[in-house]
Amino acid sequence: MAQPLMPHATASWLVDNTALSFEQIADFCGLHILEVQAIADDTAGTKLTGRDPVRAHELTQEEIDKAQADPDYRMKMTKGPEQVRRTKGPRYTPVSKRQDKPDGIAWIIRNHPEISDGAIGNLIGTTRTTIAAIRDRSHWNIANITPKDPVTLGLTTQRELDAAVSKAAKAAGIEQQQTDTRLDGDREALIASLRAEREQASRDAETAGQDSPFGGLEDPFKR
């Protein structure tokens, strides 16, 4: 159930300005009835400044009137608090991770050159100037920049990166591979190595059987 943006301040206003029961106020504000009682008795830990839910467009006067006329009535919010939405512009990055940005930018430039500078800026939250400096290796700290996956660094999410790669590939007319072939060479080498080991083990077994005094047959005295 939606609750007022400032439940304690709203409860304080309702206590002072309405004849609602503590149960009704507690239910509307999402508080325990004892919290409302403490506010009414002025024994709450801090002195609260009341917040009018009618002026905040969270409650109508009609709802208050209904509730005052019927102690069993439970008021309904007009709307919930406005949710914080991500606005356009550079992504905010915590200070502790900002030093990792050049590494993430270098990784994208190396592994996904089809992604535009604007898209990289939106992904990592950086400027075109910084991206261009890393791209042409004129960045002041280029000697210490090591390409690292920006998802691993916590600069973006895998879903956002995949979406950017897909969009850039589509714009560039690049057909994306459905399977990851980066490890194909290693996989083939591993299979060949295992096959060679198996063949060598088979040859060793045959040699051991030929060297046996029973010509490869089971020792009849062996239990």
Protein backbone atom coordinates (compact mmCIF):
# COMPACT_ATOMS: atom_id res chain seq x y z
CA MET A 1 0.00 0.00 0.00
CA ALA A 2 1.27 3.49 -0.86
CA GLN A 3 2.25 5.69 2.06
CA PRO A 4 2.80 9.44 2.46
CA LEU A 5 6.23 10.76 1.57
CA MET A 6 6.75 11.93 5.18
CA PRO A 7 4.61 9.58 7.30
CA HIS A 8 5.49 10.94 10.76
CA ALA A 9 4.99 14.58 9.77
CA THR A 10 1.73 13.65 8.05
CA ALA A 11 0.55 11.79 11.16
CA SER A 12 1.37 14.84 13.26
CA TRP A 13 -0.76 17.06 11.04
CA LEU A 14 -3.68 14.61 11.07
CA VAL A 15 -3.54 14.37 14.87
CA ASP A 16 -3.64 18.16 15.22
CA ASN A 17 -6.15 18.97 12.49
CA THR A 18 -8.66 16.10 12.30
CA ALA A 19 -10.85 13.94 14.51
CA LEU A 20 -9.51 10.71 13.01
CA SER A 21 -8.79 7.79 15.31
CA PHE A 22 -5.22 6.75 16.00
CA GLU A 23 -5.94 3.49 14.15
CA GLN A 24 -7.02 5.35 11.02
CA ILE A 25 -3.99 7.64 11.10
CA ALA A 26 -1.62 4.73 11.76
CA ASP A 27 -3.14 2.75 8.87
CA PHE A 28 -2.90 5.65 6.43
CA CYS A 29 0.67 6.60 7.39
CA GLY A 30 1.99 3.06 7.68
CA LEU A 31 2.93 3.55 11.34
CA HIS A 32 2.34 1.58 14.51
CA ILE A 33 -0.51 2.90 16.61
CA LEU A 34 1.91 3.51 19.49
CA GLU A 35 3.93 5.84 17.26
CA VAL A 36 0.79 7.86 16.60
CA GLN A 37 0.02 7.85 20.32
CA ALA A 38 3.50 9.20 21.07
CA ILE A 39 3.03 11.97 18.50
CA ALA A 40 -0.33 12.88 20.03
CA ASP A 41 1.11 12.90 23.55
CA ASP A 42 4.07 14.98 22.37
CA THR A 43 6.45 12.30 23.64
CA ALA A 44 8.00 11.42 20.31
CA GLY A 45 11.79 11.50 20.14
CA THR A 46 11.81 14.64 18.01
CA LYS A 47 9.40 17.53 17.64
CA LEU A 48 7.66 17.16 14.29
CA THR A 49 6.40 19.86 11.97
CA GLY A 50 3.10 18.73 10.52
CA ARG A 51 2.77 18.14 6.80
CA ASP A 52 -0.63 18.68 5.21
CA PRO A 53 -1.40 15.66 2.99
CA VAL A 54 -4.24 17.56 1.30
CA ARG A 55 -1.92 20.32 0.07
CA ALA A 56 0.59 17.62 -0.89
CA HIS A 57 -2.14 16.02 -3.05
CA GLU A 58 -1.75 12.73 -1.19
CA LEU A 59 -5.21 12.84 0.40
CA THR A 60 -8.52 14.59 -0.32
CA GLN A 61 -10.73 16.39 2.17
CA GLU A 62 -13.55 14.08 1.09
CA GLU A 63 -11.53 11.06 2.28
CA ILE A 64 -10.91 12.74 5.63
CA ASP A 65 -14.61 13.55 6.00
CA LYS A 66 -15.57 9.94 5.23
CA ALA A 67 -13.11 8.62 7.78
CA GLN A 68 -14.23 11.06 10.48
CA ALA A 69 -17.85 9.97 9.96
CA ASP A 70 -16.98 6.25 10.03
CA PRO A 71 -14.27 5.02 12.46
CA ASP A 72 -14.00 1.77 10.48
CA TYR A 73 -13.28 3.53 7.19
CA ARG A 74 -9.68 3.39 5.95
CA MET A 75 -8.50 6.33 3.87
CA LYS A 76 -6.94 5.85 0.44
CA MET A 77 -4.11 7.92 -0.96
CA THR A 78 -4.73 10.08 -3.98
CA LYS A 79 -1.31 9.15 -5.33
CA GLY A 80 1.99 7.79 -4.13
CA PRO A 81 5.13 9.87 -3.71
CA GLU A 82 6.91 10.77 -6.91
CA GLN A 83 9.57 8.20 -7.69
CA VAL A 84 13.06 9.40 -8.48
CA ARG A 85 13.73 8.83 -12.16
CA ARG A 86 17.02 8.80 -13.94
CA THR A 87 17.31 11.95 -16.00
CA LYS A 88 19.14 12.35 -19.28
CA GLY A 89 22.77 13.23 -19.12
CA PRO A 90 25.96 11.61 -17.83
CA ARG A 91 25.52 8.73 -15.43
CA TYR A 92 26.54 9.43 -11.84
CA THR A 93 29.49 7.33 -10.75
CA PRO A 94 30.64 7.03 -7.12
CA VAL A 95 33.93 8.77 -6.40
CA SER A 96 35.55 5.43 -5.50
CA LYS A 97 34.92 4.13 -9.03
CA ARG A 98 35.75 7.21 -11.09
CA GLN A 99 39.39 6.25 -11.39
CA ASP A 100 38.25 3.04 -13.14
CA LYS A 101 36.47 4.88 -15.94
CA PRO A 102 39.46 5.12 -18.31
CA ASP A 103 40.00 1.34 -18.02
CA GLY A 104 36.35 0.69 -18.85
CA ILE A 105 36.44 3.09 -21.79
CA ALA A 106 39.59 1.45 -23.16
CA TRP A 107 37.94 -1.99 -22.92
CA ILE A 108 34.91 -0.89 -24.93
CA ILE A 109 37.04 0.83 -27.56
CA ARG A 110 39.16 -2.29 -27.97
CA ASN A 111 36.37 -4.90 -27.91
CA HIS A 112 33.46 -2.97 -29.42
CA PRO A 113 34.81 -0.27 -31.76
CA GLU A 114 31.36 -0.03 -33.35
CA ILE A 115 29.95 1.70 -30.25
CA SER A 116 29.89 5.48 -30.70
CA ASP A 117 31.53 7.90 -28.29
CA GLY A 118 28.09 9.20 -27.31
CA ALA A 119 26.92 5.70 -26.38
CA ILE A 120 30.11 5.07 -24.38
CA GLY A 121 29.54 8.34 -22.55
CA ASN A 122 26.01 7.29 -21.61
CA LEU A 123 27.16 3.85 -20.48
CA ILE A 124 30.02 4.95 -18.27
CA GLY A 125 29.15 8.57 -17.52
CA THR A 126 32.06 10.38 -19.12
CA THR A 127 32.78 13.03 -21.73
CA ARG A 128 33.54 12.76 -25.42
CA THR A 129 36.82 14.57 -24.80
CA THR A 130 38.01 11.86 -22.42
CA ILE A 131 36.92 9.10 -24.79
CA ALA A 132 38.68 10.76 -27.74
CA ALA A 133 41.87 11.17 -25.70
CA ILE A 134 41.89 7.47 -24.83
CA ARG A 135 41.01 6.50 -28.39
CA ASP A 136 43.94 8.45 -29.90
CA ARG A 137 46.18 7.65 -26.91
CA SER A 138 46.72 11.31 -25.96
CA HIS A 139 45.22 10.86 -22.48
CA TRP A 140 47.50 12.22 -19.75
CA ASN A 141 47.53 8.84 -17.95
CA ILE A 142 47.50 6.58 -20.99
CA ALA A 143 50.55 4.63 -19.78
CA ASN A 144 48.62 3.39 -16.76
CA ILE A 145 45.30 2.63 -18.47
CA THR A 146 44.52 -1.09 -18.70
CA PRO A 147 41.40 -2.21 -20.57
CA LYS A 148 38.98 -3.81 -18.11
CA ASP A 149 35.38 -4.95 -18.49
CA PRO A 150 33.19 -2.01 -17.32
CA VAL A 151 30.59 -4.47 -16.00
CA THR A 152 33.18 -6.10 -13.75
CA LEU A 153 34.28 -2.64 -12.61
CA GLY A 154 30.70 -1.79 -11.69
CA LEU A 155 30.48 1.13 -14.13
CA THR A 156 27.48 -0.29 -16.01
CA THR A 157 25.30 -3.39 -16.12
CA GLN A 158 25.60 -6.34 -18.48
CA ARG A 159 22.11 -5.65 -19.81
CA GLU A 160 22.94 -2.03 -20.65
CA LEU A 161 26.22 -3.04 -22.29
CA ASP A 162 24.54 -5.76 -24.36
CA ALA A 163 21.86 -3.30 -25.46
CA ALA A 164 24.49 -0.76 -26.54
CA VAL A 165 26.44 -3.42 -28.44
CA SER A 166 23.30 -4.68 -30.17
CA LYS A 167 22.18 -1.17 -31.14
CA ALA A 168 25.62 -0.22 -32.46
CA ALA A 169 25.96 -3.45 -34.41
CA LYS A 170 22.55 -2.96 -36.00
CA ALA A 171 23.39 0.63 -36.95
CA ALA A 172 26.69 -0.48 -38.46
CA GLY A 173 25.10 -3.39 -40.33
CA ILE A 174 27.17 -5.92 -38.42
CA GLU A 175 25.66 -9.38 -38.05
CA GLN A 176 26.06 -10.40 -34.43
CA GLN A 177 27.25 -13.90 -33.67
CA GLN A 178 24.79 -15.93 -31.66
CA THR A 179 27.51 -17.95 -29.96
CA ASP A 180 30.68 -16.91 -28.23
CA THR A 181 33.62 -18.17 -30.32
CA ARG A 182 36.39 -16.49 -28.34
CA LEU A 183 37.37 -19.78 -26.70
CA ASP A 184 37.07 -21.99 -29.78
CA GLY A 185 40.84 -22.21 -30.25
CA ASP A 186 41.43 -23.12 -26.62
CA ARG A 187 38.61 -25.64 -26.69
CA GLU A 188 40.02 -27.39 -29.76
CA ALA A 189 43.49 -27.48 -28.21
CA LEU A 190 42.08 -29.00 -25.03
CA ILE A 191 40.20 -31.68 -26.98
CA ALA A 192 43.35 -32.56 -28.94
CA SER A 193 45.36 -32.76 -25.73
CA LEU A 194 42.84 -35.07 -24.08
CA ARG A 195 42.68 -37.27 -27.18
CA ALA A 196 46.48 -37.58 -27.21
CA GLU A 197 46.54 -38.47 -23.52
CA ARG A 198 43.88 -41.15 -24.05
CA GLU A 199 45.76 -42.66 -26.98
CA GLN A 200 49.02 -42.65 -24.99
CA ALA A 201 47.29 -44.37 -22.06
CA SER A 202 45.97 -47.03 -24.43
CA ARG A 203 49.44 -47.63 -25.88
CA ASP A 204 50.94 -47.84 -22.39
CA ALA A 205 48.34 -50.44 -21.43
CA GLU A 206 49.13 -52.51 -24.51
CA THR A 207 52.86 -52.31 -23.80
CA ALA A 208 52.33 -53.38 -20.21
CA GLY A 209 50.28 -56.36 -21.39
CA GLN A 210 52.98 -57.46 -23.83
CA ASP A 211 55.63 -57.28 -21.12
CA SER A 212 53.58 -59.53 -18.84
CA PRO A 213 54.76 -63.22 -18.61
CA PHE A 214 51.17 -64.22 -19.34
CA GLY A 215 51.12 -62.37 -22.68
CA GLY A 216 48.51 -59.87 -21.75
CA LEU A 217 46.23 -62.48 -20.16
CA GLU A 218 45.10 -62.20 -16.60
CA ASP A 219 47.43 -63.80 -14.06
CA PRO A 220 45.65 -67.08 -13.17
CA PHE A 221 47.09 -66.92 -9.61
CA LYS A 222 45.94 -63.38 -9.07
CA ARG A 223 42.89 -63.17 -6.81
